[in-house]
Amino acid sequence: MKRYDLRHLKDDFEPRMKEILLNEHPAKESAIFLFEIGDFTPIQRSADLVKECGYELYNSLKFNEVDWTIVCKKEN
């Protein structure tokens, strides 16, 4: 299990998240992403990105007042 803190990227976290999922994160290991949500639109976009990259979304929840956490894993 590896955690990636993307909160410093503010609303521009998706390109980095995609890069991690496609090129850096090992298959069969859970990934935990933290990012800022602002107006909640990044939540659906992040779930769509996880699916697009071939991962299964295990959990998606509000971490505190401004941050969101998702957990995903690629089985194959």
C-alpha atoms as a PDB file:
ATOM      1  CA  MET A   1       0.000   0.000   0.000  1.00  0.00           C
ATOM      2  CA  LYS A   2       1.397   3.375  -0.991  1.00  0.00           C
ATOM      3  CA  ARG A   3       0.067   6.845  -0.274  1.00  0.00           C
ATOM      4  CA  TYR A   4       0.356   9.741  -2.711  1.00  0.00           C
ATOM      5  CA  ASP A   5      -0.287  13.231  -1.361  1.00  0.00           C
ATOM      6  CA  LEU A   6      -1.454  15.422  -4.243  1.00  0.00           C
ATOM      7  CA  ARG A   7      -2.921  18.198  -2.111  1.00  0.00           C
ATOM      8  CA  HIS A   8      -0.134  20.605  -3.064  1.00  0.00           C
ATOM      9  CA  LEU A   9      -1.349  20.462  -6.694  1.00  0.00           C
ATOM     10  CA  LYS A  10      -4.739  21.944  -5.715  1.00  0.00           C
ATOM     11  CA  ASP A  11      -7.274  21.462  -8.566  1.00  0.00           C
ATOM     12  CA  ASP A  12      -4.604  20.321 -11.043  1.00  0.00           C
ATOM     13  CA  PHE A  13      -3.912  16.910  -9.484  1.00  0.00           C
ATOM     14  CA  GLU A  14      -5.395  14.694 -12.222  1.00  0.00           C
ATOM     15  CA  PRO A  15      -2.443  14.665 -14.672  1.00  0.00           C
ATOM     16  CA  ARG A  16      -0.098  13.605 -11.864  1.00  0.00           C
ATOM     17  CA  MET A  17      -2.561  11.015 -10.582  1.00  0.00           C
ATOM     18  CA  LYS A  18      -2.868   9.519 -14.067  1.00  0.00           C
ATOM     19  CA  GLU A  19       0.918   9.447 -14.464  1.00  0.00           C
ATOM     20  CA  ILE A  20       1.257   7.574 -11.173  1.00  0.00           C
ATOM     21  CA  LEU A  21      -1.451   5.049 -12.020  1.00  0.00           C
ATOM     22  CA  LEU A  22      -0.184   4.314 -15.527  1.00  0.00           C
ATOM     23  CA  ASN A  23       3.582   4.479 -15.056  1.00  0.00           C
ATOM     24  CA  GLU A  24       4.716   4.378 -11.441  1.00  0.00           C
ATOM     25  CA  HIS A  25       2.410   2.439  -9.152  1.00  0.00           C
ATOM     26  CA  PRO A  26       2.967  -1.337  -9.048  1.00  0.00           C
ATOM     27  CA  ALA A  27       0.036  -3.585  -9.965  1.00  0.00           C
ATOM     28  CA  LYS A  28      -1.629  -5.582  -7.181  1.00  0.00           C
ATOM     29  CA  GLU A  29      -0.687  -2.929  -4.611  1.00  0.00           C
ATOM     30  CA  SER A  30      -3.248  -0.531  -3.167  1.00  0.00           C
ATOM     31  CA  ALA A  31      -2.835   3.169  -3.890  1.00  0.00           C
ATOM     32  CA  ILE A  32      -4.125   5.880  -1.594  1.00  0.00           C
ATOM     33  CA  PHE A  33      -4.521   9.369  -3.060  1.00  0.00           C
ATOM     34  CA  LEU A  34      -5.135  12.549  -1.085  1.00  0.00           C
ATOM     35  CA  PHE A  35      -6.295  15.665  -2.923  1.00  0.00           C
ATOM     36  CA  GLU A  36      -8.226  18.883  -2.331  1.00  0.00           C
ATOM     37  CA  ILE A  37     -11.860  18.843  -3.379  1.00  0.00           C
ATOM     38  CA  GLY A  38     -13.022  22.470  -3.400  1.00  0.00           C
ATOM     39  CA  ASP A  39     -16.471  22.261  -5.011  1.00  0.00           C
ATOM     40  CA  PHE A  40     -16.715  18.430  -5.122  1.00  0.00           C
ATOM     41  CA  THR A  41     -16.355  18.182  -8.927  1.00  0.00           C
ATOM     42  CA  PRO A  42     -12.938  16.475  -8.657  1.00  0.00           C
ATOM     43  CA  ILE A  43     -14.532  13.509  -6.887  1.00  0.00           C
ATOM     44  CA  GLN A  44     -16.353  12.149  -9.933  1.00  0.00           C
ATOM     45  CA  ARG A  45     -13.443  13.041 -12.208  1.00  0.00           C
ATOM     46  CA  SER A  46     -11.024  11.109  -9.998  1.00  0.00           C
ATOM     47  CA  ALA A  47     -13.336   8.073  -9.923  1.00  0.00           C
ATOM     48  CA  ASP A  48     -13.578   8.174 -13.728  1.00  0.00           C
ATOM     49  CA  LEU A  49      -9.796   8.468 -14.002  1.00  0.00           C
ATOM     50  CA  VAL A  50      -9.265   5.444 -11.758  1.00  0.00           C
ATOM     51  CA  LYS A  51     -11.590   3.374 -13.961  1.00  0.00           C
ATOM     52  CA  GLU A  52      -9.997   4.702 -17.160  1.00  0.00           C
ATOM     53  CA  CYS A  53      -6.572   3.560 -15.930  1.00  0.00           C
ATOM     54  CA  GLY A  54      -7.834   0.024 -15.253  1.00  0.00           C
ATOM     55  CA  TYR A  55      -8.021   0.260 -11.458  1.00  0.00           C
ATOM     56  CA  GLU A  56     -10.858  -0.658  -9.149  1.00  0.00           C
ATOM     57  CA  LEU A  57     -12.016   2.048  -6.740  1.00  0.00           C
ATOM     58  CA  TYR A  58     -12.212   0.589  -3.230  1.00  0.00           C
ATOM     59  CA  ASN A  59     -13.023   3.642  -1.150  1.00  0.00           C
ATOM     60  CA  SER A  60     -13.726   7.332  -1.589  1.00  0.00           C
ATOM     61  CA  LEU A  61     -14.279   9.556   1.414  1.00  0.00           C
ATOM     62  CA  LYS A  62     -13.899  13.004   2.853  1.00  0.00           C
ATOM     63  CA  PHE A  63     -10.696  13.189   4.897  1.00  0.00           C
ATOM     64  CA  ASN A  64     -11.298  16.569   6.566  1.00  0.00           C
ATOM     65  CA  GLU A  65     -12.910  19.896   5.625  1.00  0.00           C
ATOM     66  CA  VAL A  66     -11.081  20.311   2.303  1.00  0.00           C
ATOM     67  CA  ASP A  67      -9.364  17.014   1.484  1.00  0.00           C
ATOM     68  CA  TRP A  68     -10.570  13.812  -0.123  1.00  0.00           C
ATOM     69  CA  THR A  69      -9.058  10.323   0.001  1.00  0.00           C
ATOM     70  CA  ILE A  70      -9.508   7.520  -2.496  1.00  0.00           C
ATOM     71  CA  VAL A  71      -8.162   3.974  -2.364  1.00  0.00           C
ATOM     72  CA  CYS A  72      -7.776   1.918  -5.527  1.00  0.00           C
ATOM     73  CA  LYS A  73      -6.010  -1.186  -6.761  1.00  0.00           C
ATOM     74  CA  LYS A  74      -5.235  -2.868 -10.087  1.00  0.00           C
ATOM     75  CA  GLU A  75      -5.666  -6.611  -9.940  1.00  0.00           C
ATOM     76  CA  ASN A  76      -3.914  -7.692 -13.136  1.00  0.00           C
END
